């Protein structure tokens, strides 16, 4: 189903780009763990949207 001919098409290239973007997002989101000092600085007024 997913052979080299598929990845030569625009749809195949788009699927590879999408997979790469998801992997990058997961890799970057695991690196973003705010320290307690940063979390305190970010705190403040919050607005709740109903």
Protein backbone atom coordinates (compact mmCIF):
# COMPACT_ATOMS: atom_id res chain seq x y z
CA UNK A 1 0.00 0.00 0.00
CA UNK A 2 2.67 2.53 1.01
CA UNK A 3 5.45 1.82 -1.45
CA UNK A 4 7.98 4.12 -3.07
CA UNK A 5 5.52 5.05 -5.81
CA UNK A 6 3.07 6.40 -3.24
CA UNK A 7 5.69 8.65 -1.65
CA UNK A 8 6.55 10.13 -5.06
CA UNK A 9 3.03 11.56 -5.38
CA UNK A 10 1.96 14.88 -3.88
CA UNK A 11 -0.30 13.06 -1.45
CA UNK A 12 2.56 10.84 -0.31
CA UNK A 13 4.86 13.83 0.17
CA UNK A 14 2.13 15.63 2.11
CA UNK A 15 1.69 12.60 4.35
CA UNK A 16 5.43 12.50 5.06
CA UNK A 17 5.40 16.22 5.88
CA UNK A 18 2.44 15.71 8.19
CA UNK A 19 4.12 12.82 10.01
CA UNK A 20 7.34 14.83 10.37
CA UNK A 21 5.41 17.80 11.76
CA UNK A 22 3.62 15.62 14.33
CA UNK A 23 6.90 14.04 15.44
CA UNK A 24 8.48 17.48 15.77
CA UNK A 25 5.50 18.77 17.76
CA UNK A 26 5.69 15.85 20.18
CA UNK A 27 9.47 16.25 20.53
CA UNK A 28 9.18 19.96 21.25
CA UNK A 29 6.21 19.66 23.59
CA UNK A 30 8.04 17.16 25.78
CA UNK A 31 10.88 19.67 26.15
CA UNK A 32 8.59 22.47 27.36
CA UNK A 33 8.21 21.90 31.09
CA UNK A 34 8.01 25.27 32.86
CA UNK A 35 9.95 25.71 36.07
CA UNK A 36 8.04 26.78 39.22
CA UNK A 37 9.49 30.30 38.93
CA UNK A 38 8.29 30.60 35.35
CA UNK A 39 4.88 29.20 36.24
CA UNK A 40 4.51 31.78 39.02
CA UNK A 41 5.49 34.59 36.65
CA UNK A 42 2.96 33.44 34.05
CA UNK A 43 0.16 33.31 36.64
CA UNK A 44 -2.22 36.20 37.03
CA UNK A 45 -5.69 37.01 35.94
CA UNK A 46 -7.43 34.31 34.01
CA UNK A 47 -10.47 34.68 31.84
CA UNK A 48 -12.98 31.91 31.47
CA UNK A 49 -14.80 31.69 28.17
CA UNK A 50 -18.24 30.18 28.46
